[in-house]
Amino acid sequence: MLPVRFLKFWYLEAPRGLIAYFVSLNSAFLHLFSLPLLVKTYFRPWKNEYREGLVGFSVGMGIFIKTFVIAVDILLFFLLLLAQALVFAGFILWPIVTVAFLFQG
């Protein structure tokens, strides 16, 4: 009975909790790095500069700066997703690798 309970925990319950944690971590990352806000305000001036004659320059400068900030945010987010995928795969494969090492020698 114990091996069945372990397998149920390791391959059903724990991955659900791990995925819920990763979803929460991704949400916190996006909030911390302001990626949705940067995308939503992409065509607005960088520092809310609305003086006569500077609006076009401010919008252009905002687009220029936000393009690089968004690119770095997306790169970091993909690195986070890659790390999460590796952790999840390692978690799932851990018992299999452990048993394989036990029966290897």
PDB file of N, CA and C in Angstrom:
ATOM      1  N   MET A   1       0.813  -1.194   0.000  1.00  0.00           N
ATOM      2  CA  MET A   1       0.000   0.000   0.000  1.00  0.00           C
ATOM      3  C   MET A   1       0.865   1.271   0.000  1.00  0.00           C
ATOM      4  N   LEU A   2       1.983   1.205   0.710  1.00  0.00           N
ATOM      5  CA  LEU A   2       2.843   2.375   0.788  1.00  0.00           C
ATOM      6  C   LEU A   2       3.409   2.796  -0.573  1.00  0.00           C
ATOM      7  N   PRO A   3       3.872   1.869  -1.423  1.00  0.00           N
ATOM      8  CA  PRO A   3       4.364   2.316  -2.740  1.00  0.00           C
ATOM      9  C   PRO A   3       3.274   2.991  -3.578  1.00  0.00           C
ATOM     10  N   VAL A   4       2.051   2.534  -3.467  1.00  0.00           N
ATOM     11  CA  VAL A   4       0.956   3.162  -4.217  1.00  0.00           C
ATOM     12  C   VAL A   4       0.698   4.565  -3.702  1.00  0.00           C
ATOM     13  N   ARG A   5       0.737   4.742  -2.388  1.00  0.00           N
ATOM     14  CA  ARG A   5       0.540   6.077  -1.807  1.00  0.00           C
ATOM     15  C   ARG A   5       1.669   7.022  -2.217  1.00  0.00           C
ATOM     16  N   PHE A   6       2.898   6.475  -2.230  1.00  0.00           N
ATOM     17  CA  PHE A   6       4.029   7.296  -2.646  1.00  0.00           C
ATOM     18  C   PHE A   6       3.876   7.722  -4.101  1.00  0.00           C
ATOM     19  N   LEU A   7       3.548   6.777  -4.976  1.00  0.00           N
ATOM     20  CA  LEU A   7       3.400   7.103  -6.392  1.00  0.00           C
ATOM     21  C   LEU A   7       2.250   8.073  -6.620  1.00  0.00           C
ATOM     22  N   LYS A   8       1.178   7.917  -5.872  1.00  0.00           N
ATOM     23  CA  LYS A   8       0.057   8.852  -5.987  1.00  0.00           C
ATOM     24  C   LYS A   8       0.495  10.251  -5.567  1.00  0.00           C
ATOM     25  N   PHE A   9       1.233  10.325  -4.466  1.00  0.00           N
ATOM     26  CA  PHE A   9       1.723  11.631  -4.018  1.00  0.00           C
ATOM     27  C   PHE A   9       2.697  12.227  -5.030  1.00  0.00           C
ATOM     28  N   TRP A  10       3.701  11.424  -5.439  1.00  0.00           N
ATOM     29  CA  TRP A  10       4.795  11.954  -6.255  1.00  0.00           C
ATOM     30  C   TRP A  10       4.358  12.341  -7.662  1.00  0.00           C
ATOM     31  N   TYR A  11       3.414  11.572  -8.222  1.00  0.00           N
ATOM     32  CA  TYR A  11       3.058  11.810  -9.616  1.00  0.00           C
ATOM     33  C   TYR A  11       1.697  12.461  -9.822  1.00  0.00           C
ATOM     34  N   LEU A  12       0.907  12.666  -8.760  1.00  0.00           N
ATOM     35  CA  LEU A  12      -0.380  13.347  -8.898  1.00  0.00           C
ATOM     36  C   LEU A  12      -0.476  14.598  -8.029  1.00  0.00           C
ATOM     37  N   GLU A  13      -0.287  14.421  -6.738  1.00  0.00           N
ATOM     38  CA  GLU A  13      -0.494  15.536  -5.811  1.00  0.00           C
ATOM     39  C   GLU A  13       0.642  16.558  -5.853  1.00  0.00           C
ATOM     40  N   ALA A  14       1.874  16.086  -5.790  1.00  0.00           N
ATOM     41  CA  ALA A  14       3.023  16.995  -5.765  1.00  0.00           C
ATOM     42  C   ALA A  14       3.153  17.806  -7.061  1.00  0.00           C
ATOM     43  N   PRO A  15       2.975  17.198  -8.245  1.00  0.00           N
ATOM     44  CA  PRO A  15       3.051  18.030  -9.453  1.00  0.00           C
ATOM     45  C   PRO A  15       1.976  19.120  -9.506  1.00  0.00           C
ATOM     46  N   ARG A  16       0.784  18.828  -8.992  1.00  0.00           N
ATOM     47  CA  ARG A  16      -0.245  19.879  -8.937  1.00  0.00           C
ATOM     48  C   ARG A  16       0.217  21.041  -8.069  1.00  0.00           C
ATOM     49  N   GLY A  17       0.772  20.728  -6.914  1.00  0.00           N
ATOM     50  CA  GLY A  17       1.280  21.775  -6.030  1.00  0.00           C
ATOM     51  C   GLY A  17       2.445  22.526  -6.646  1.00  0.00           C
ATOM     52  N   LEU A  18       3.317  21.807  -7.331  1.00  0.00           N
ATOM     53  CA  LEU A  18       4.470  22.435  -7.979  1.00  0.00           C
ATOM     54  C   LEU A  18       4.018  23.364  -9.106  1.00  0.00           C
ATOM     55  N   ILE A  19       3.054  22.927  -9.886  1.00  0.00           N
ATOM     56  CA  ILE A  19       2.536  23.767 -10.965  1.00  0.00           C
ATOM     57  C   ILE A  19       1.829  24.992 -10.399  1.00  0.00           C
ATOM     58  N   ALA A  20       1.065  24.815  -9.314  1.00  0.00           N
ATOM     59  CA  ALA A  20       0.411  25.966  -8.678  1.00  0.00           C
ATOM     60  C   ALA A  20       1.453  26.961  -8.174  1.00  0.00           C
ATOM     61  N   TYR A  21       2.554  26.457  -7.618  1.00  0.00           N
ATOM     62  CA  TYR A  21       3.633  27.339  -7.169  1.00  0.00           C
ATOM     63  C   TYR A  21       4.260  28.080  -8.348  1.00  0.00           C
ATOM     64  N   PHE A  22       4.500  27.368  -9.441  1.00  0.00           N
ATOM     65  CA  PHE A  22       5.095  28.009 -10.619  1.00  0.00           C
ATOM     66  C   PHE A  22       4.174  29.073 -11.207  1.00  0.00           C
ATOM     67  N   VAL A  23       2.867  28.815 -11.215  1.00  0.00           N
ATOM     68  CA  VAL A  23       1.913  29.815 -11.713  1.00  0.00           C
ATOM     69  C   VAL A  23       1.973  31.065 -10.835  1.00  0.00           C
ATOM     70  N   SER A  24       2.036  30.873  -9.532  1.00  0.00           N
ATOM     71  CA  SER A  24       2.146  32.003  -8.612  1.00  0.00           C
ATOM     72  C   SER A  24       3.470  32.746  -8.811  1.00  0.00           C
ATOM     73  N   LEU A  25       4.540  32.016  -9.007  1.00  0.00           N
ATOM     74  CA  LEU A  25       5.852  32.627  -9.239  1.00  0.00           C
ATOM     75  C   LEU A  25       5.861  33.421 -10.541  1.00  0.00           C
ATOM     76  N   ASN A  26       5.253  32.866 -11.586  1.00  0.00           N
ATOM     77  CA  ASN A  26       5.185  33.582 -12.866  1.00  0.00           C
ATOM     78  C   ASN A  26       4.364  34.855 -12.736  1.00  0.00           C
ATOM     79  N   SER A  27       3.268  34.791 -12.016  1.00  0.00           N
ATOM     80  CA  SER A  27       2.442  35.974 -11.803  1.00  0.00           C
ATOM     81  C   SER A  27       3.215  37.052 -11.044  1.00  0.00           C
ATOM     82  N   ALA A  28       3.934  36.637 -10.009  1.00  0.00           N
ATOM     83  CA  ALA A  28       4.735  37.594  -9.240  1.00  0.00           C
ATOM     84  C   ALA A  28       5.854  38.180 -10.101  1.00  0.00           C
ATOM     85  N   PHE A  29       6.486  37.357 -10.932  1.00  0.00           N
ATOM     86  CA  PHE A  29       7.542  37.845 -11.822  1.00  0.00           C
ATOM     87  C   PHE A  29       6.998  38.897 -12.775  1.00  0.00           C
ATOM     88  N   LEU A  30       5.862  38.598 -13.411  1.00  0.00           N
ATOM     89  CA  LEU A  30       5.286  39.545 -14.358  1.00  0.00           C
ATOM     90  C   LEU A  30       4.888  40.848 -13.665  1.00  0.00           C
ATOM     91  N   HIS A  31       4.375  40.729 -12.446  1.00  0.00           N
ATOM     92  CA  HIS A  31       4.004  41.933 -11.701  1.00  0.00           C
ATOM     93  C   HIS A  31       5.247  42.718 -11.289  1.00  0.00           C
ATOM     94  N   LEU A  32       6.268  42.017 -10.844  1.00  0.00           N
ATOM     95  CA  LEU A  32       7.496  42.676 -10.383  1.00  0.00           C
ATOM     96  C   LEU A  32       8.231  43.381 -11.526  1.00  0.00           C
ATOM     97  N   PHE A  33       8.268  42.763 -12.698  1.00  0.00           N
ATOM     98  CA  PHE A  33       8.974  43.341 -13.824  1.00  0.00           C
ATOM     99  C   PHE A  33       8.069  44.182 -14.729  1.00  0.00           C
ATOM    100  N   SER A  34       6.809  44.335 -14.377  1.00  0.00           N
ATOM    101  CA  SER A  34       5.843  45.231 -15.039  1.00  0.00           C
ATOM    102  C   SER A  34       5.665  44.972 -16.526  1.00  0.00           C
ATOM    103  N   LEU A  35       5.804  43.735 -16.943  1.00  0.00           N
ATOM    104  CA  LEU A  35       5.684  43.436 -18.365  1.00  0.00           C
ATOM    105  C   LEU A  35       4.292  43.754 -18.918  1.00  0.00           C
ATOM    106  N   PRO A  36       3.194  43.358 -18.263  1.00  0.00           N
ATOM    107  CA  PRO A  36       1.881  43.718 -18.820  1.00  0.00           C
ATOM    108  C   PRO A  36       1.659  45.235 -18.883  1.00  0.00           C
ATOM    109  N   LEU A  37       2.144  45.951 -17.886  1.00  0.00           N
ATOM    110  CA  LEU A  37       1.987  47.405 -17.874  1.00  0.00           C
ATOM    111  C   LEU A  37       2.804  48.054 -18.994  1.00  0.00           C
ATOM    112  N   LEU A  38       4.003  47.569 -19.230  1.00  0.00           N
ATOM    113  CA  LEU A  38       4.827  48.117 -20.304  1.00  0.00           C
ATOM    114  C   LEU A  38       4.196  47.871 -21.674  1.00  0.00           C
ATOM    115  N   VAL A  39       3.612  46.701 -21.847  1.00  0.00           N
ATOM    116  CA  VAL A  39       2.960  46.412 -23.124  1.00  0.00           C
ATOM    117  C   VAL A  39       1.708  47.277 -23.293  1.00  0.00           C
ATOM    118  N   LYS A  40       0.954  47.453 -22.197  1.00  0.00           N
ATOM    119  CA  LYS A  40      -0.270  48.242 -22.265  1.00  0.00           C
ATOM    120  C   LYS A  40       0.019  49.720 -22.548  1.00  0.00           C
ATOM    121  N   THR A  41       1.112  50.233 -22.040  1.00  0.00           N
ATOM    122  CA  THR A  41       1.445  51.660 -22.210  1.00  0.00           C
ATOM    123  C   THR A  41       2.551  51.867 -23.241  1.00  0.00           C
ATOM    124  N   TYR A  42       2.672  50.966 -24.201  1.00  0.00           N
ATOM    125  CA  TYR A  42       3.781  51.014 -25.174  1.00  0.00           C
ATOM    126  C   TYR A  42       3.777  52.302 -25.984  1.00  0.00           C
ATOM    127  N   PHE A  43       2.621  52.798 -26.382  1.00  0.00           N
ATOM    128  CA  PHE A  43       2.554  53.990 -27.238  1.00  0.00           C
ATOM    129  C   PHE A  43       2.286  55.269 -26.456  1.00  0.00           C
ATOM    130  N   ARG A  44       2.544  55.257 -25.182  1.00  0.00           N
ATOM    131  CA  ARG A  44       2.422  56.471 -24.375  1.00  0.00           C
ATOM    132  C   ARG A  44       3.817  57.025 -24.096  1.00  0.00           C
ATOM    133  N   PRO A  45       3.909  58.303 -23.761  1.00  0.00           N
ATOM    134  CA  PRO A  45       5.235  58.873 -23.441  1.00  0.00           C
ATOM    135  C   PRO A  45       5.871  58.164 -22.242  1.00  0.00           C
ATOM    136  N   TRP A  46       7.191  58.140 -22.223  1.00  0.00           N
ATOM    137  CA  TRP A  46       7.933  57.428 -21.170  1.00  0.00           C
ATOM    138  C   TRP A  46       7.686  58.044 -19.795  1.00  0.00           C
ATOM    139  N   LYS A  47       7.754  59.311 -19.658  1.00  0.00           N
ATOM    140  CA  LYS A  47       7.596  59.975 -18.357  1.00  0.00           C
ATOM    141  C   LYS A  47       6.383  60.894 -18.330  1.00  0.00           C
ATOM    142  N   ASN A  48       5.324  60.553 -19.037  1.00  0.00           N
ATOM    143  CA  ASN A  48       4.104  61.366 -19.090  1.00  0.00           C
ATOM    144  C   ASN A  48       4.413  62.817 -19.465  1.00  0.00           C
ATOM    145  N   GLU A  49       5.229  62.987 -20.458  1.00  0.00           N
ATOM    146  CA  GLU A  49       5.618  64.315 -20.937  1.00  0.00           C
ATOM    147  C   GLU A  49       4.622  64.762 -21.995  1.00  0.00           C
ATOM    148  N   TYR A  50       3.781  65.729 -21.653  1.00  0.00           N
ATOM    149  CA  TYR A  50       2.749  66.195 -22.573  1.00  0.00           C
ATOM    150  C   TYR A  50       2.894  67.684 -22.884  1.00  0.00           C
ATOM    151  N   ARG A  51       4.104  68.247 -22.749  1.00  0.00           N
ATOM    152  CA  ARG A  51       4.300  69.658 -23.096  1.00  0.00           C
ATOM    153  C   ARG A  51       4.258  69.841 -24.607  1.00  0.00           C
ATOM    154  N   GLU A  52       3.862  71.011 -25.001  1.00  0.00           N
ATOM    155  CA  GLU A  52       3.753  71.362 -26.425  1.00  0.00           C
ATOM    156  C   GLU A  52       5.088  71.127 -27.121  1.00  0.00           C
ATOM    157  N   GLY A  53       5.073  70.391 -28.190  1.00  0.00           N
ATOM    158  CA  GLY A  53       6.271  70.168 -28.984  1.00  0.00           C
ATOM    159  C   GLY A  53       7.118  68.990 -28.532  1.00  0.00           C
ATOM    160  N   LEU A  54       6.882  68.463 -27.345  1.00  0.00           N
ATOM    161  CA  LEU A  54       7.686  67.346 -26.853  1.00  0.00           C
ATOM    162  C   LEU A  54       6.924  66.033 -26.841  1.00  0.00           C
ATOM    163  N   VAL A  55       5.657  66.046 -27.191  1.00  0.00           N
ATOM    164  CA  VAL A  55       4.850  64.830 -27.121  1.00  0.00           C
ATOM    165  C   VAL A  55       5.361  63.786 -28.099  1.00  0.00           C
ATOM    166  N   GLY A  56       5.613  64.173 -29.338  1.00  0.00           N
ATOM    167  CA  GLY A  56       6.112  63.229 -30.335  1.00  0.00           C
ATOM    168  C   GLY A  56       7.452  62.638 -29.944  1.00  0.00           C
ATOM    169  N   PHE A  57       8.359  63.497 -29.465  1.00  0.00           N
ATOM    170  CA  PHE A  57       9.665  63.014 -29.023  1.00  0.00           C
ATOM    171  C   PHE A  57       9.521  62.071 -27.833  1.00  0.00           C
ATOM    172  N   SER A  58       8.635  62.428 -26.878  1.00  0.00           N
ATOM    173  CA  SER A  58       8.454  61.598 -25.688  1.00  0.00           C
ATOM    174  C   SER A  58       7.853  60.245 -26.039  1.00  0.00           C
ATOM    175  N   VAL A  59       6.907  60.223 -26.963  1.00  0.00           N
ATOM    176  CA  VAL A  59       6.330  58.951 -27.393  1.00  0.00           C
ATOM    177  C   VAL A  59       7.403  58.105 -28.087  1.00  0.00           C
ATOM    178  N   GLY A  60       8.180  58.723 -28.978  1.00  0.00           N
ATOM    179  CA  GLY A  60       9.252  58.007 -29.672  1.00  0.00           C
ATOM    180  C   GLY A  60      10.309  57.480 -28.712  1.00  0.00           C
ATOM    181  N   MET A  61      10.697  58.306 -27.748  1.00  0.00           N
ATOM    182  CA  MET A  61      11.677  57.874 -26.753  1.00  0.00           C
ATOM    183  C   MET A  61      11.105  56.751 -25.890  1.00  0.00           C
ATOM    184  N   GLY A  62       9.826  56.865 -25.546  1.00  0.00           N
ATOM    185  CA  GLY A  62       9.181  55.815 -24.762  1.00  0.00           C
ATOM    186  C   GLY A  62       9.158  54.491 -25.500  1.00  0.00           C
ATOM    187  N   ILE A  63       8.837  54.523 -26.784  1.00  0.00           N
ATOM    188  CA  ILE A  63       8.837  53.304 -27.591  1.00  0.00           C
ATOM    189  C   ILE A  63      10.239  52.717 -27.670  1.00  0.00           C
ATOM    190  N   PHE A  64      11.232  53.578 -27.857  1.00  0.00           N
ATOM    191  CA  PHE A  64      12.618  53.124 -27.952  1.00  0.00           C
ATOM    192  C   PHE A  64      13.063  52.438 -26.658  1.00  0.00           C
ATOM    193  N   ILE A  65      12.826  53.085 -25.537  1.00  0.00           N
ATOM    194  CA  ILE A  65      13.251  52.536 -24.244  1.00  0.00           C
ATOM    195  C   ILE A  65      12.449  51.291 -23.887  1.00  0.00           C
ATOM    196  N   LYS A  66      11.126  51.353 -24.076  1.00  0.00           N
ATOM    197  CA  LYS A  66      10.281  50.216 -23.703  1.00  0.00           C
ATOM    198  C   LYS A  66      10.558  48.988 -24.543  1.00  0.00           C
ATOM    199  N   THR A  67      11.004  49.177 -25.774  1.00  0.00           N
ATOM    200  CA  THR A  67      11.334  48.034 -26.614  1.00  0.00           C
ATOM    201  C   THR A  67      12.455  47.209 -25.984  1.00  0.00           C
ATOM    202  N   PHE A  68      13.488  47.872 -25.508  1.00  0.00           N
ATOM    203  CA  PHE A  68      14.591  47.151 -24.873  1.00  0.00           C
ATOM    204  C   PHE A  68      14.191  46.563 -23.527  1.00  0.00           C
ATOM    205  N   VAL A  69      13.421  47.299 -22.756  1.00  0.00           N
ATOM    206  CA  VAL A  69      12.985  46.802 -21.449  1.00  0.00           C
ATOM    207  C   VAL A  69      12.078  45.581 -21.622  1.00  0.00           C
ATOM    208  N   ILE A  70      11.168  45.650 -22.578  1.00  0.00           N
ATOM    209  CA  ILE A  70      10.273  44.511 -22.834  1.00  0.00           C
ATOM    210  C   ILE A  70      11.068  43.307 -23.342  1.00  0.00           C
ATOM    211  N   ALA A  71      12.048  43.541 -24.206  1.00  0.00           N
ATOM    212  CA  ALA A  71      12.869  42.436 -24.723  1.00  0.00           C
ATOM    213  C   ALA A  71      13.626  41.742 -23.594  1.00  0.00           C
ATOM    214  N   VAL A  72      14.193  42.506 -22.683  1.00  0.00           N
ATOM    215  CA  VAL A  72      14.917  41.919 -21.547  1.00  0.00           C
ATOM    216  C   VAL A  72      13.941  41.190 -20.617  1.00  0.00           C
ATOM    217  N   ASP A  73      12.777  41.767 -20.385  1.00  0.00           N
ATOM    218  CA  ASP A  73      11.769  41.108 -19.549  1.00  0.00           C
ATOM    219  C   ASP A  73      11.337  39.772 -20.147  1.00  0.00           C
ATOM    220  N   ILE A  74      11.121  39.751 -21.449  1.00  0.00           N
ATOM    221  CA  ILE A  74      10.712  38.504 -22.105  1.00  0.00           C
ATOM    222  C   ILE A  74      11.830  37.471 -22.048  1.00  0.00           C
ATOM    223  N   LEU A  75      13.069  37.895 -22.245  1.00  0.00           N
ATOM    224  CA  LEU A  75      14.202  36.982 -22.142  1.00  0.00           C
ATOM    225  C   LEU A  75      14.292  36.384 -20.739  1.00  0.00           C
ATOM    226  N   LEU A  76      14.179  37.224 -19.717  1.00  0.00           N
ATOM    227  CA  LEU A  76      14.222  36.730 -18.341  1.00  0.00           C
ATOM    228  C   LEU A  76      13.054  35.800 -18.040  1.00  0.00           C
ATOM    229  N   PHE A  77      11.883  36.115 -18.583  1.00  0.00           N
ATOM    230  CA  PHE A  77      10.713  35.267 -18.360  1.00  0.00           C
ATOM    231  C   PHE A  77      10.899  33.897 -19.022  1.00  0.00           C
ATOM    232  N   PHE A  78      11.456  33.866 -20.216  1.00  0.00           N
ATOM    233  CA  PHE A  78      11.721  32.582 -20.860  1.00  0.00           C
ATOM    234  C   PHE A  78      12.787  31.785 -20.112  1.00  0.00           C
ATOM    235  N   LEU A  79      13.780  32.457 -19.559  1.00  0.00           N
ATOM    236  CA  LEU A  79      14.771  31.761 -18.732  1.00  0.00           C
ATOM    237  C   LEU A  79      14.118  31.185 -17.477  1.00  0.00           C
ATOM    238  N   LEU A  80      13.199  31.933 -16.889  1.00  0.00           N
ATOM    239  CA  LEU A  80      12.457  31.433 -15.730  1.00  0.00           C
ATOM    240  C   LEU A  80      11.627  30.212 -16.109  1.00  0.00           C
ATOM    241  N   LEU A  81      10.957  30.274 -17.255  1.00  0.00           N
ATOM    242  CA  LEU A  81      10.159  29.129 -17.713  1.00  0.00           C
ATOM    243  C   LEU A  81      11.039  27.912 -17.989  1.00  0.00           C
ATOM    244  N   LEU A  82      12.214  28.133 -18.552  1.00  0.00           N
ATOM    245  CA  LEU A  82      13.140  27.040 -18.800  1.00  0.00           C
ATOM    246  C   LEU A  82      13.603  26.407 -17.487  1.00  0.00           C
ATOM    247  N   ALA A  83      13.934  27.240 -16.518  1.00  0.00           N
ATOM    248  CA  ALA A  83      14.347  26.719 -15.207  1.00  0.00           C
ATOM    249  C   ALA A  83      13.207  25.938 -14.557  1.00  0.00           C
ATOM    250  N   GLN A  84      11.992  26.431 -14.681  1.00  0.00           N
ATOM    251  CA  GLN A  84      10.849  25.720 -14.118  1.00  0.00           C
ATOM    252  C   GLN A  84      10.633  24.379 -14.805  1.00  0.00           C
ATOM    253  N   ALA A  85      10.788  24.336 -16.119  1.00  0.00           N
ATOM    254  CA  ALA A  85      10.635  23.079 -16.847  1.00  0.00           C
ATOM    255  C   ALA A  85      11.705  22.071 -16.421  1.00  0.00           C
ATOM    256  N   LEU A  86      12.929  22.542 -16.229  1.00  0.00           N
ATOM    257  CA  LEU A  86      14.006  21.650 -15.786  1.00  0.00           C
ATOM    258  C   LEU A  86      13.762  21.131 -14.373  1.00  0.00           C
ATOM    259  N   VAL A  87      13.297  21.999 -13.493  1.00  0.00           N
ATOM    260  CA  VAL A  87      12.992  21.572 -12.124  1.00  0.00           C
ATOM    261  C   VAL A  87      11.854  20.565 -12.127  1.00  0.00           C
ATOM    262  N   PHE A  88      10.822  20.820 -12.918  1.00  0.00           N
ATOM    263  CA  PHE A  88       9.685  19.905 -12.978  1.00  0.00           C
ATOM    264  C   PHE A  88      10.103  18.547 -13.548  1.00  0.00           C
ATOM    265  N   ALA A  89      10.887  18.550 -14.620  1.00  0.00           N
ATOM    266  CA  ALA A  89      11.362  17.292 -15.201  1.00  0.00           C
ATOM    267  C   ALA A  89      12.264  16.544 -14.219  1.00  0.00           C
ATOM    268  N   GLY A  90      13.132  17.272 -13.532  1.00  0.00           N
ATOM    269  CA  GLY A  90      13.980  16.636 -12.524  1.00  0.00           C
ATOM    270  C   GLY A  90      13.175  16.047 -11.389  1.00  0.00           C
ATOM    271  N   PHE A  91      12.128  16.754 -10.982  1.00  0.00           N
ATOM    272  CA  PHE A  91      11.264  16.249  -9.912  1.00  0.00           C
ATOM    273  C   PHE A  91      10.571  14.966 -10.341  1.00  0.00           C
ATOM    274  N   ILE A  92      10.038  14.944 -11.547  1.00  0.00           N
ATOM    275  CA  ILE A  92       9.324  13.766 -12.037  1.00  0.00           C
ATOM    276  C   ILE A  92      10.277  12.584 -12.223  1.00  0.00           C
ATOM    277  N   LEU A  93      11.483  12.847 -12.706  1.00  0.00           N
ATOM    278  CA  LEU A  93      12.427  11.770 -12.991  1.00  0.00           C
ATOM    279  C   LEU A  93      13.234  11.303 -11.781  1.00  0.00           C
ATOM    280  N   TRP A  94      13.187  12.021 -10.681  1.00  0.00           N
ATOM    281  CA  TRP A  94      14.015  11.688  -9.518  1.00  0.00           C
ATOM    282  C   TRP A  94      13.823  10.252  -9.028  1.00  0.00           C
ATOM    283  N   PRO A  95      12.596   9.775  -8.796  1.00  0.00           N
ATOM    284  CA  PRO A  95      12.454   8.381  -8.333  1.00  0.00           C
ATOM    285  C   PRO A  95      12.938   7.367  -9.369  1.00  0.00           C
ATOM    286  N   ILE A  96      12.719   7.637 -10.628  1.00  0.00           N
ATOM    287  CA  ILE A  96      13.130   6.709 -11.685  1.00  0.00           C
ATOM    288  C   ILE A  96      14.648   6.609 -11.725  1.00  0.00           C
ATOM    289  N   VAL A  97      15.317   7.745 -11.658  1.00  0.00           N
ATOM    290  CA  VAL A  97      16.789   7.753 -11.677  1.00  0.00           C
ATOM    291  C   VAL A  97      17.338   7.090 -10.417  1.00  0.00           C
ATOM    292  N   THR A  98      16.713   7.321  -9.290  1.00  0.00           N
ATOM    293  CA  THR A  98      17.164   6.708  -8.040  1.00  0.00           C
ATOM    294  C   THR A  98      17.072   5.189  -8.109  1.00  0.00           C
ATOM    295  N   VAL A  99      15.947   4.682  -8.583  1.00  0.00           N
ATOM    296  CA  VAL A  99      15.782   3.232  -8.712  1.00  0.00           C
ATOM    297  C   VAL A  99      16.751   2.670  -9.746  1.00  0.00           C
ATOM    298  N   ALA A 100      16.980   3.400 -10.819  1.00  0.00           N
ATOM    299  CA  ALA A 100      17.935   2.938 -11.833  1.00  0.00           C
ATOM    300  C   ALA A 100      19.339   2.837 -11.263  1.00  0.00           C
ATOM    301  N   PHE A 101      19.736   3.792 -10.424  1.00  0.00           N
ATOM    302  CA  PHE A 101      21.065   3.710  -9.797  1.00  0.00           C
ATOM    303  C   PHE A 101      21.144   2.575  -8.792  1.00  0.00           C
ATOM    304  N   LEU A 102      20.066   2.282  -8.112  1.00  0.00           N
ATOM    305  CA  LEU A 102      20.063   1.184  -7.145  1.00  0.00           C
ATOM    306  C   LEU A 102      20.271  -0.172  -7.829  1.00  0.00           C
ATOM    307  N   PHE A 103      19.639  -0.351  -8.977  1.00  0.00           N
ATOM    308  CA  PHE A 103      19.720  -1.639  -9.667  1.00  0.00           C
ATOM    309  C   PHE A 103      20.844  -1.703 -10.692  1.00  0.00           C
ATOM    310  N   GLN A 104      21.622  -0.649 -10.806  1.00  0.00           N
ATOM    311  CA  GLN A 104      22.690  -0.620 -11.783  1.00  0.00           C
ATOM    312  C   GLN A 104      23.852  -1.518 -11.379  1.00  0.00           C
ATOM    313  N   GLY A 105      24.248  -1.452 -10.140  1.00  0.00           N
ATOM    314  CA  GLY A 105      25.460  -2.146  -9.747  1.00  0.00           C
ATOM    315  C   GLY A 105      25.216  -3.331  -8.933  1.00  0.00           C
TER     316      GLY A 105
END
